[in-house]
Amino acid sequence: MIWTRIVNFLLGRRPAPPPERVALVVPAHAGPLIRRASELPEDAHAAPLPRFRSSAADASRPARSDRQLDQRRQKLQRAFTPSQPVRDERRFAGRKETLVSLIRAVEEQNLHAVIFGDRGMGKTSMLHVFSRLAREARYIVRYTSCSETSEFDPIFRAITADIPLLYHADFDPTSEEAERGGTLADLLPEQTLTPVRISESLARLSGTRVLIMLDEFDRVQSIDFKRSIAELIKNLSDQSIPVQIVIAGVAGNLNELLEHIPSIRRNVAGIPVTGMADDEVRELIHMGEGASDLTFTDEARDDVVNAAQGSPYVAGLVAQYAASDALDRDSTEVETRDVHSGIKRALGEVKVRMGPASQLHLRVLLADVPPEAVAPLAQEGLRNFGMVHGGSPSDTKRAMVIARAVEAGVLAADQSHGGRDFRFTDDSVALYLWLAACLV
C-alpha cells in the first residue's frame, strides 16, 4: 500500500475519496437478515428440480428404500436400447435366417455382400453381431461408418493399419518388422491410394481372411469413392484375394446402393433386411423382459407388436418408455396403459425429429383428416419402404384420403411404377400417423 501511495503522489494522482457510509438501522424485533433455506416459509421454496432416477455407476448405491427400483432402472437401460445398435448376440432378436444368408455368402461363396433396407430395421445391429461372429472365427474385421465426406485414401490407410505384417507373405513371423507390430499401412506409398495399389498390397496376405465393413454407405456423396469401392471389389474377386467387403445402407433394393457401379453385381450377394415378423418382435420383448426383471401382460405385448409394425427401433422405443412408466408407479408388470403412455412419449420424439416443412404438412392433413382414416396408408408405408399403392379406382374412400394427403404435401406421386403409386415425403410422418392411430 505504501509504495502505491508514493507512486500516485509522484504522478500527481489524488486518492479517491472514501465511499459514504450508510448506517443500517435494524429494528430489534426484525430477527436475522439471512435465513437458511429450511427456515423460509413454504411458499418461498421453488418447485424441486427433477432428479436422475438411477446411478450411472455399475455398483449399487448405499442401501435405500428404493434401491431395488434403482437396480431395475439400470437393468432397463440395458434391456431396450432403441437408440443404439445391438452388439451382443444374446440380445439379437430374430433375423436368424438373414444372418445365416450373410454368413454363407461370405464363408461358402466367397462373395462380397450388400445389406440394404429401411431405417430402423437393424442393419447396423446385424453388422455388429456378424462382426463379432467373424472375429470368433479368427477373421480380421474392420468396421467403418461412412459419411458424406468419406474418401478412399484415408479410409483404407486406416483399414490396413489394422492388418499385422504377421500375415504378409513377404515377412517371416519372426522378422523384426512383424515382431515390433508393423502393419500393412507401413508398406503403402505416400502417393494417393488407388484401388490397384490397395489390391496389390492385399494380394500378399496369407494365413488369414479379412472382412471390411462399410456401414451407412448411402450417406456417401462422392461418386469417385463409390466407383473406387466397385473397382476394388472387382479386383479382389478376380484375383481371389482373401478380403471381402460388406456394405450396408438405406435402400429399397440393391440397385439403389449400386446404381453407379452395376459391373460388380455378379460379385456381391444382396441381403435385404425387411420388417421383423410379429413373432420376432415378441422375441425382442421377451429378451427385454429377461434383462430387466419386468413382465409385459399379453395385451401390452400385443400393443407393442402392433405399434412397431416390424420395426425393431419402434418396438424398443415403445417398450422402453412403457416399462419406465410401469416403474414410475412402482410396478414390475407392464400393462396396456403403460404402452399407451409409451406411444404418446414416442409420438413426441418422432414429431421433434421432423423438419418444419413436414410438421406443417402434418398439421394441414390432420386438420382435415383424422389419424384413423390415414392409418391404413401409414401402415402400408411403414411396411413398404414409404410406398403406398394407389388402389382401385372404385375405392373412393381410399382415393379421397390419398388426394387429401397429396394436397397437404404428405404424399407425392411416384412415377417408378406407372404413376399409380405414391410415396411418403417424410418417413417420420408415416410413423407419427400410425402411432397416433394406435391411441384412438
Protein backbone atom coordinates (compact mmCIF):
# COMPACT_ATOMS: atom_id res chain seq x y z
CA MET A 1 0.00 0.00 0.00
CA ILE A 2 2.81 2.50 0.92
CA TRP A 3 4.51 2.07 -2.46
CA THR A 4 1.20 2.63 -4.26
CA ARG A 5 0.72 5.91 -2.40
CA ILE A 6 4.27 7.08 -3.22
CA VAL A 7 3.80 6.31 -6.94
CA ASN A 8 0.45 8.09 -7.02
CA PHE A 9 1.99 11.14 -5.28
CA LEU A 10 4.88 11.32 -7.81
CA LEU A 11 2.43 11.04 -10.71
CA GLY A 12 0.19 13.71 -9.27
CA ARG A 13 -2.74 11.36 -8.69
CA ARG A 14 -5.11 12.08 -5.87
CA PRO A 15 -6.54 9.23 -3.89
CA ALA A 16 -10.27 8.60 -4.44
CA PRO A 17 -12.46 9.78 -1.59
CA PRO A 18 -13.71 7.01 0.63
CA PRO A 19 -17.28 5.86 -0.08
CA GLU A 20 -20.03 7.30 2.06
CA ARG A 21 -21.04 5.08 4.88
CA VAL A 22 -24.73 4.43 5.30
CA ALA A 23 -25.97 3.43 8.68
CA LEU A 24 -28.31 0.45 8.54
CA VAL A 25 -30.85 0.59 11.28
CA VAL A 26 -32.37 -2.77 12.08
CA PRO A 27 -35.32 -2.95 14.44
CA ALA A 28 -34.67 -5.09 17.46
CA HIS A 29 -37.64 -7.31 16.60
CA ALA A 30 -36.57 -7.93 12.98
CA GLY A 31 -34.55 -11.11 13.64
CA PRO A 32 -31.65 -12.32 11.43
CA LEU A 33 -31.30 -10.75 7.98
CA ILE A 34 -30.17 -14.03 6.32
CA ARG A 35 -32.09 -17.20 6.88
CA ARG A 36 -31.30 -20.75 5.93
CA ALA A 37 -33.42 -22.25 3.13
CA SER A 38 -35.04 -24.59 5.64
CA GLU A 39 -36.24 -21.57 7.63
CA LEU A 40 -38.00 -19.91 4.67
CA PRO A 41 -41.80 -20.07 4.54
CA GLU A 42 -43.25 -22.90 2.41
CA ASP A 43 -44.43 -20.65 -0.41
CA ALA A 44 -40.90 -19.19 -0.76
CA HIS A 45 -39.46 -22.55 -1.88
CA ALA A 46 -39.16 -23.10 -5.66
CA ALA A 47 -40.52 -26.35 -7.09
CA PRO A 48 -37.92 -29.10 -6.65
CA LEU A 49 -35.79 -29.84 -9.69
CA PRO A 50 -36.16 -33.22 -11.41
CA ARG A 51 -33.52 -35.79 -10.47
CA PHE A 52 -31.91 -38.74 -12.22
CA ARG A 53 -33.67 -41.88 -11.08
CA SER A 54 -30.74 -44.29 -11.28
CA SER A 55 -27.00 -44.24 -10.76
CA ALA A 56 -24.53 -44.19 -13.65
CA ALA A 57 -22.16 -46.38 -11.61
CA ASP A 58 -22.35 -50.12 -12.08
CA ALA A 59 -22.01 -50.61 -8.33
CA SER A 60 -25.18 -50.32 -6.29
CA ARG A 61 -25.81 -47.24 -4.24
CA PRO A 62 -25.85 -47.36 -0.47
CA ALA A 63 -28.86 -49.14 0.93
CA ARG A 64 -32.08 -47.18 0.48
CA SER A 65 -35.75 -47.95 0.44
CA ASP A 66 -35.84 -47.66 -3.36
CA ARG A 67 -32.56 -49.47 -4.02
CA GLN A 68 -34.30 -52.37 -5.78
CA LEU A 69 -36.17 -49.90 -8.02
CA ASP A 70 -32.89 -48.21 -8.95
CA GLN A 71 -31.41 -51.56 -9.90
CA ARG A 72 -34.39 -52.32 -12.10
CA ARG A 73 -33.96 -48.98 -13.86
CA GLN A 74 -30.32 -49.77 -14.51
CA LYS A 75 -31.30 -53.11 -15.99
CA LEU A 76 -33.99 -51.44 -18.12
CA GLN A 77 -31.37 -49.14 -19.63
CA ARG A 78 -29.59 -52.22 -20.97
CA ALA A 79 -32.71 -54.24 -21.84
CA PHE A 80 -34.14 -51.99 -24.57
CA THR A 81 -31.68 -49.81 -26.50
CA PRO A 82 -33.59 -48.26 -29.43
CA SER A 83 -31.01 -45.51 -29.94
CA GLN A 84 -28.03 -47.88 -30.02
CA PRO A 85 -27.24 -50.91 -32.18
CA VAL A 86 -27.20 -54.36 -30.62
CA ARG A 87 -23.64 -55.64 -30.17
CA ASP A 88 -24.26 -58.78 -28.13
CA GLU A 89 -25.71 -61.76 -29.98
CA ARG A 90 -27.56 -62.72 -26.80
CA ARG A 91 -29.70 -59.58 -27.26
CA PHE A 92 -30.13 -60.05 -31.02
CA ALA A 93 -33.78 -60.95 -31.67
CA GLY A 94 -34.96 -62.59 -34.87
CA ARG A 95 -33.12 -62.18 -38.17
CA LYS A 96 -31.59 -65.65 -37.84
CA GLU A 97 -32.28 -66.59 -41.46
CA THR A 98 -30.88 -63.28 -42.71
CA LEU A 99 -27.75 -63.77 -40.63
CA VAL A 100 -27.34 -67.30 -41.98
CA SER A 101 -27.61 -65.96 -45.56
CA LEU A 102 -24.91 -63.39 -44.85
CA ILE A 103 -22.54 -65.92 -43.28
CA ARG A 104 -22.98 -68.39 -46.14
CA ALA A 105 -22.43 -65.72 -48.78
CA VAL A 106 -19.11 -64.73 -47.20
CA GLU A 107 -17.84 -68.07 -45.93
CA GLU A 108 -19.04 -70.54 -48.55
CA GLN A 109 -19.46 -68.47 -51.71
CA ASN A 110 -16.57 -66.04 -51.13
CA LEU A 111 -18.86 -63.20 -52.18
CA HIS A 112 -18.91 -59.62 -51.07
CA ALA A 113 -22.24 -58.54 -49.57
CA VAL A 114 -24.61 -55.58 -49.62
CA ILE A 115 -27.08 -55.27 -46.74
CA PHE A 116 -29.96 -52.93 -47.55
CA GLY A 117 -33.27 -51.93 -46.02
CA ASP A 118 -35.26 -49.12 -44.44
CA ARG A 119 -34.15 -47.02 -41.46
CA GLY A 120 -34.61 -48.57 -38.05
CA MET A 121 -34.66 -52.14 -39.34
CA GLY A 122 -31.47 -53.23 -37.59
CA LYS A 123 -28.84 -53.20 -40.35
CA THR A 124 -26.11 -51.81 -38.09
CA SER A 125 -27.02 -54.26 -35.33
CA MET A 126 -26.67 -57.09 -37.84
CA LEU A 127 -23.24 -55.80 -38.90
CA HIS A 128 -22.03 -55.66 -35.29
CA VAL A 129 -23.28 -59.17 -34.46
CA PHE A 130 -21.89 -60.52 -37.73
CA SER A 131 -18.54 -58.86 -36.98
CA ARG A 132 -18.40 -60.47 -33.56
CA LEU A 133 -19.15 -63.91 -35.00
CA ALA A 134 -16.50 -63.40 -37.68
CA ARG A 135 -13.88 -62.46 -35.07
CA GLU A 136 -14.72 -65.65 -33.19
CA ALA A 137 -13.90 -67.47 -36.45
CA ARG A 138 -10.47 -65.69 -36.48
CA TYR A 139 -11.28 -63.24 -39.28
CA ILE A 140 -9.64 -59.82 -39.16
CA VAL A 141 -12.59 -57.41 -39.12
CA ARG A 142 -12.51 -53.66 -39.70
CA TYR A 143 -15.74 -51.67 -39.23
CA THR A 144 -16.10 -48.18 -40.73
CA SER A 145 -19.12 -45.88 -40.65
CA CYS A 146 -19.22 -43.81 -43.83
CA SER A 147 -20.11 -40.13 -44.00
CA GLU A 148 -20.90 -37.56 -46.68
CA THR A 149 -17.20 -36.67 -46.95
CA SER A 150 -15.73 -40.20 -46.96
CA GLU A 151 -12.67 -40.58 -49.18
CA PHE A 152 -10.93 -43.71 -50.38
CA ASP A 153 -7.35 -42.89 -49.32
CA PRO A 154 -7.81 -42.12 -45.57
CA ILE A 155 -10.33 -44.92 -45.06
CA PHE A 156 -8.08 -47.62 -46.50
CA ARG A 157 -4.95 -46.34 -44.79
CA ALA A 158 -6.84 -46.77 -41.51
CA ILE A 159 -8.08 -50.21 -42.54
CA THR A 160 -4.62 -51.50 -43.49
CA ALA A 161 -3.27 -50.17 -40.17
CA ASP A 162 -5.35 -52.91 -38.51
CA ILE A 163 -3.76 -55.74 -40.54
CA PRO A 164 -0.49 -57.00 -38.97
CA LEU A 165 2.57 -57.71 -41.12
CA LEU A 166 2.46 -61.12 -39.47
CA TYR A 167 0.04 -62.11 -42.27
CA HIS A 168 2.08 -60.66 -45.14
CA ALA A 169 3.70 -63.33 -47.31
CA ASP A 170 6.95 -61.34 -47.63
CA PHE A 171 7.58 -61.16 -43.88
CA ASP A 172 8.51 -64.03 -41.63
CA PRO A 173 6.61 -64.07 -38.28
CA THR A 174 9.95 -63.69 -36.51
CA SER A 175 11.10 -60.78 -38.65
CA GLU A 176 11.96 -57.54 -36.91
CA GLU A 177 9.13 -55.66 -38.64
CA ALA A 178 6.49 -58.21 -37.64
CA GLU A 179 7.71 -58.52 -34.06
CA ARG A 180 7.61 -54.79 -33.44
CA GLY A 181 3.95 -54.65 -34.53
CA GLY A 182 4.25 -53.46 -38.11
CA THR A 183 1.13 -53.32 -40.27
CA LEU A 184 0.23 -53.28 -43.95
CA ALA A 185 -0.11 -49.50 -43.73
CA ASP A 186 3.68 -49.29 -43.26
CA LEU A 187 4.16 -50.60 -46.81
CA LEU A 188 1.82 -48.18 -48.56
CA PRO A 189 3.28 -45.44 -50.77
CA GLU A 190 2.94 -41.78 -49.87
CA GLN A 191 1.05 -41.10 -53.09
CA THR A 192 -2.74 -41.07 -53.08
CA LEU A 193 -4.03 -44.60 -52.78
CA THR A 194 -5.93 -46.20 -55.65
CA PRO A 195 -7.86 -49.49 -55.82
CA VAL A 196 -4.98 -51.01 -57.79
CA ARG A 197 -2.38 -50.13 -55.12
CA ILE A 198 -4.59 -51.45 -52.32
CA SER A 199 -5.29 -54.64 -54.27
CA GLU A 200 -1.56 -55.21 -54.82
CA SER A 201 -0.91 -54.82 -51.08
CA LEU A 202 -3.79 -57.07 -50.02
CA ALA A 203 -2.83 -59.71 -52.58
CA ARG A 204 0.21 -60.59 -50.43
CA LEU A 205 -1.96 -61.64 -47.45
CA SER A 206 -1.56 -65.19 -46.25
CA GLY A 207 -2.92 -67.26 -43.37
CA THR A 208 -5.98 -65.13 -42.64
CA ARG A 209 -9.17 -63.66 -44.10
CA VAL A 210 -10.18 -60.03 -43.81
CA LEU A 211 -13.66 -58.50 -43.67
CA ILE A 212 -14.13 -54.78 -44.34
CA MET A 213 -17.48 -53.36 -43.13
CA LEU A 214 -18.65 -50.12 -44.75
CA ASP A 215 -21.76 -49.03 -42.87
CA GLU A 216 -24.10 -46.18 -43.88
CA PHE A 217 -22.86 -46.36 -47.45
CA ASP A 218 -25.92 -44.44 -48.62
CA ARG A 219 -24.55 -41.27 -46.97
CA VAL A 220 -21.53 -41.14 -49.28
CA GLN A 221 -21.80 -38.24 -51.75
CA SER A 222 -18.66 -38.90 -53.79
CA ILE A 223 -19.26 -40.87 -56.98
CA ASP A 224 -15.48 -41.39 -57.22
CA PHE A 225 -15.47 -43.10 -53.80
CA LYS A 226 -18.27 -45.47 -54.82
CA ARG A 227 -16.55 -46.28 -58.10
CA SER A 228 -13.26 -46.91 -56.29
CA ILE A 229 -15.04 -49.37 -53.99
CA ALA A 230 -16.55 -51.08 -57.03
CA GLU A 231 -13.15 -51.36 -58.72
CA LEU A 232 -11.61 -52.74 -55.53
CA ILE A 233 -14.38 -55.35 -55.18
CA LYS A 234 -13.81 -56.43 -58.77
CA ASN A 235 -10.03 -56.68 -58.28
CA LEU A 236 -10.42 -58.66 -55.04
CA SER A 237 -12.82 -61.08 -56.72
CA ASP A 238 -10.83 -61.51 -59.95
CA GLN A 239 -7.60 -62.23 -58.05
CA SER A 240 -9.24 -64.41 -55.34
CA ILE A 241 -7.72 -62.20 -52.63
CA PRO A 242 -8.88 -63.31 -49.13
CA VAL A 243 -10.51 -59.94 -48.42
CA GLN A 244 -14.25 -59.32 -48.63
CA ILE A 245 -16.22 -56.12 -48.37
CA VAL A 246 -19.63 -55.91 -46.70
CA ILE A 247 -21.63 -52.76 -47.48
CA ALA A 248 -24.72 -51.63 -45.56
CA GLY A 249 -27.05 -48.74 -46.25
CA VAL A 250 -30.58 -47.42 -46.52
CA ALA A 251 -32.12 -48.51 -49.80
CA GLY A 252 -35.26 -50.17 -51.10
CA ASN A 253 -33.30 -52.56 -53.32
CA LEU A 254 -29.79 -53.50 -54.35
CA ASN A 255 -29.80 -51.19 -57.38
CA GLU A 256 -30.29 -48.07 -55.26
CA LEU A 257 -26.96 -48.64 -53.49
CA LEU A 258 -25.14 -49.86 -56.61
CA GLU A 259 -26.69 -47.51 -59.17
CA HIS A 260 -23.30 -46.18 -60.24
CA ILE A 261 -21.44 -49.49 -60.04
CA PRO A 262 -23.53 -52.13 -61.88
CA SER A 263 -20.45 -54.02 -63.11
CA ILE A 264 -19.92 -55.79 -59.77
CA ARG A 265 -23.42 -57.20 -59.25
CA ARG A 266 -22.27 -60.73 -60.01
CA ASN A 267 -19.60 -60.39 -57.31
CA VAL A 268 -21.96 -59.41 -54.48
CA ALA A 269 -24.80 -61.01 -52.58
CA GLY A 270 -27.78 -58.78 -51.84
CA ILE A 271 -29.06 -59.24 -48.28
CA PRO A 272 -32.39 -57.43 -47.67
CA VAL A 273 -33.26 -56.52 -44.08
CA THR A 274 -37.03 -56.10 -44.03
CA GLY A 275 -39.55 -55.64 -41.21
CA MET A 276 -39.48 -58.17 -38.40
CA ALA A 277 -42.24 -60.75 -38.16
CA ASP A 278 -44.60 -60.40 -35.21
CA ASP A 279 -43.04 -63.42 -33.51
CA GLU A 280 -39.60 -61.81 -33.84
CA VAL A 281 -40.87 -58.61 -32.19
CA ARG A 282 -42.29 -60.74 -29.37
CA GLU A 283 -38.87 -62.36 -29.04
CA LEU A 284 -37.32 -58.90 -28.72
CA ILE A 285 -39.77 -58.03 -25.93
CA HIS A 286 -39.17 -61.37 -24.22
CA MET A 287 -35.40 -60.73 -24.21
CA GLY A 288 -36.03 -57.31 -22.70
CA GLU A 289 -38.20 -58.85 -20.01
CA GLY A 290 -35.44 -61.23 -19.02
CA ALA A 291 -32.84 -58.47 -18.94
CA SER A 292 -34.96 -56.02 -16.92
CA ASP A 293 -36.80 -58.34 -14.48
CA LEU A 294 -40.08 -56.88 -15.78
CA THR A 295 -43.01 -58.63 -17.43
CA PHE A 296 -45.46 -57.45 -20.08
CA THR A 297 -49.07 -58.58 -19.96
CA ASP A 298 -50.29 -60.36 -23.10
CA GLU A 299 -52.36 -57.30 -24.06
CA ALA A 300 -49.43 -54.94 -23.52
CA ARG A 301 -47.15 -57.16 -25.60
CA ASP A 302 -49.70 -57.24 -28.43
CA ASP A 303 -49.97 -53.44 -28.32
CA VAL A 304 -46.19 -53.06 -28.70
CA VAL A 305 -46.16 -55.52 -31.61
CA ASN A 306 -48.99 -53.62 -33.31
CA ALA A 307 -47.30 -50.23 -32.81
CA ALA A 308 -43.93 -51.49 -34.08
CA GLN A 309 -45.13 -52.75 -37.48
CA GLY A 310 -41.98 -54.80 -37.81
CA SER A 311 -39.53 -52.06 -36.78
CA PRO A 312 -37.13 -53.14 -34.01
CA TYR A 313 -36.42 -49.47 -33.35
CA VAL A 314 -40.08 -48.61 -32.70
CA ALA A 315 -40.59 -51.81 -30.69
CA GLY A 316 -37.63 -51.00 -28.45
CA LEU A 317 -38.62 -47.35 -28.08
CA VAL A 318 -42.24 -48.02 -27.07
CA ALA A 319 -41.28 -50.96 -24.84
CA GLN A 320 -38.62 -48.89 -23.05
CA TYR A 321 -40.99 -45.99 -22.41
CA ALA A 322 -43.79 -48.32 -21.30
CA ALA A 323 -41.52 -50.20 -18.88
CA SER A 324 -40.24 -46.91 -17.47
CA ASP A 325 -43.82 -45.76 -16.82
CA ALA A 326 -44.59 -49.04 -15.06
CA LEU A 327 -41.60 -48.50 -12.77
CA ASP A 328 -42.82 -44.95 -12.10
CA ARG A 329 -45.90 -46.44 -10.48
CA ASP A 330 -43.79 -48.98 -8.57
CA SER A 331 -44.92 -51.93 -10.67
CA THR A 332 -42.89 -54.67 -12.31
CA GLU A 333 -45.75 -55.55 -14.67
CA VAL A 334 -46.17 -53.51 -17.85
CA GLU A 335 -49.80 -53.03 -18.74
CA THR A 336 -51.74 -51.62 -21.69
CA ARG A 337 -51.96 -48.20 -20.05
CA ASP A 338 -48.17 -48.11 -19.84
CA VAL A 339 -47.84 -48.95 -23.53
CA HIS A 340 -50.30 -46.20 -24.46
CA SER A 341 -48.29 -43.77 -22.36
CA GLY A 342 -45.13 -45.00 -24.08
CA ILE A 343 -46.70 -44.43 -27.51
CA LYS A 344 -47.54 -40.85 -26.51
CA ARG A 345 -43.93 -40.25 -25.50
CA ALA A 346 -42.72 -41.83 -28.74
CA LEU A 347 -45.08 -39.55 -30.69
CA GLY A 348 -43.45 -36.52 -29.13
CA GLU A 349 -39.99 -37.79 -30.02
CA VAL A 350 -40.96 -38.54 -33.62
CA LYS A 351 -42.52 -35.11 -34.09
CA VAL A 352 -39.48 -33.28 -32.74
CA ARG A 353 -37.29 -35.04 -35.29
CA MET A 354 -39.42 -33.84 -38.21
CA GLY A 355 -38.36 -30.83 -40.21
CA PRO A 356 -40.51 -27.67 -40.14
CA ALA A 357 -41.99 -28.43 -43.58
CA SER A 358 -43.03 -31.94 -42.55
CA GLN A 359 -44.62 -30.65 -39.36
CA LEU A 360 -46.59 -28.14 -41.40
CA HIS A 361 -47.75 -30.80 -43.88
CA LEU A 362 -48.82 -32.98 -40.96
CA ARG A 363 -50.85 -30.20 -39.34
CA VAL A 364 -52.59 -29.42 -42.64
CA LEU A 365 -53.55 -33.05 -43.15
CA LEU A 366 -54.76 -33.69 -39.59
CA ALA A 367 -56.87 -30.53 -39.69
CA ASP A 368 -58.89 -32.20 -42.42
CA VAL A 369 -58.47 -35.96 -41.92
CA PRO A 370 -58.35 -37.87 -38.59
CA PRO A 371 -55.38 -40.21 -37.91
CA GLU A 372 -57.52 -43.37 -38.05
CA ALA A 373 -58.56 -42.52 -41.62
CA VAL A 374 -54.91 -42.27 -42.74
CA ALA A 375 -53.81 -45.27 -40.66
CA PRO A 376 -54.05 -47.86 -43.50
CA LEU A 377 -51.82 -45.70 -45.71
CA ALA A 378 -49.35 -45.12 -42.87
CA GLN A 379 -49.25 -48.84 -42.08
CA GLU A 380 -48.62 -49.69 -45.74
CA GLY A 381 -45.87 -47.08 -45.95
CA LEU A 382 -44.12 -48.44 -42.88
CA ARG A 383 -44.20 -51.96 -44.31
CA ASN A 384 -43.25 -50.96 -47.85
CA PHE A 385 -40.35 -48.51 -47.60
CA GLY A 386 -42.60 -45.46 -47.70
CA MET A 387 -44.55 -46.60 -50.76
CA VAL A 388 -48.36 -46.57 -50.99
CA HIS A 389 -50.34 -48.18 -53.81
CA GLY A 390 -52.98 -46.02 -55.45
CA GLY A 391 -55.57 -48.74 -55.07
CA SER A 392 -58.61 -49.49 -57.14
CA PRO A 393 -60.46 -46.56 -58.73
CA SER A 394 -63.66 -47.94 -57.20
CA ASP A 395 -62.24 -47.46 -53.69
CA THR A 396 -63.44 -43.88 -53.40
CA LYS A 397 -62.70 -43.58 -49.68
CA ARG A 398 -59.03 -44.51 -50.15
CA ALA A 399 -58.75 -42.28 -53.21
CA MET A 400 -60.15 -39.34 -51.23
CA VAL A 401 -57.69 -39.81 -48.36
CA ILE A 402 -54.78 -40.11 -50.81
CA ALA A 403 -55.91 -36.92 -52.57
CA ARG A 404 -56.05 -35.03 -49.28
CA ALA A 405 -52.60 -36.35 -48.30
CA VAL A 406 -51.18 -35.24 -51.66
CA GLU A 407 -52.73 -31.78 -51.29
CA ALA A 408 -51.20 -31.48 -47.80
CA GLY A 409 -47.76 -32.49 -49.09
CA VAL A 410 -47.64 -35.69 -47.04
CA LEU A 411 -47.73 -37.94 -50.12
CA ALA A 412 -46.19 -37.40 -53.56
CA ALA A 413 -46.84 -39.30 -56.78
CA ASP A 414 -44.19 -41.86 -57.62
CA GLN A 415 -43.62 -42.44 -61.33
CA SER A 416 -41.42 -45.52 -60.99
CA HIS A 417 -44.36 -47.94 -61.29
CA GLY A 418 -46.51 -46.37 -63.96
CA GLY A 419 -47.60 -43.39 -61.87
CA ARG A 420 -50.18 -45.27 -59.81
CA ASP A 421 -48.11 -45.36 -56.63
CA PHE A 422 -47.35 -42.71 -54.02
CA ARG A 423 -44.54 -42.17 -51.56
CA PHE A 424 -44.49 -40.50 -48.15
CA THR A 425 -42.39 -37.37 -48.45
CA ASP A 426 -41.06 -37.99 -44.92
CA ASP A 427 -40.84 -41.43 -43.29
CA SER A 428 -41.37 -39.83 -39.88
CA VAL A 429 -44.82 -38.61 -40.91
CA ALA A 430 -45.95 -42.16 -41.71
CA LEU A 431 -44.71 -43.35 -38.31
CA TYR A 432 -46.37 -40.44 -36.50
CA LEU A 433 -49.73 -41.07 -38.20
CA TRP A 434 -49.63 -44.77 -37.38
CA LEU A 435 -48.71 -44.26 -33.71
CA ALA A 436 -51.40 -41.59 -33.38
CA ALA A 437 -53.96 -44.02 -34.81
CA CYS A 438 -52.86 -46.66 -32.27
CA LEU A 439 -54.14 -44.39 -29.49
CA VAL A 440 -57.61 -43.92 -30.99
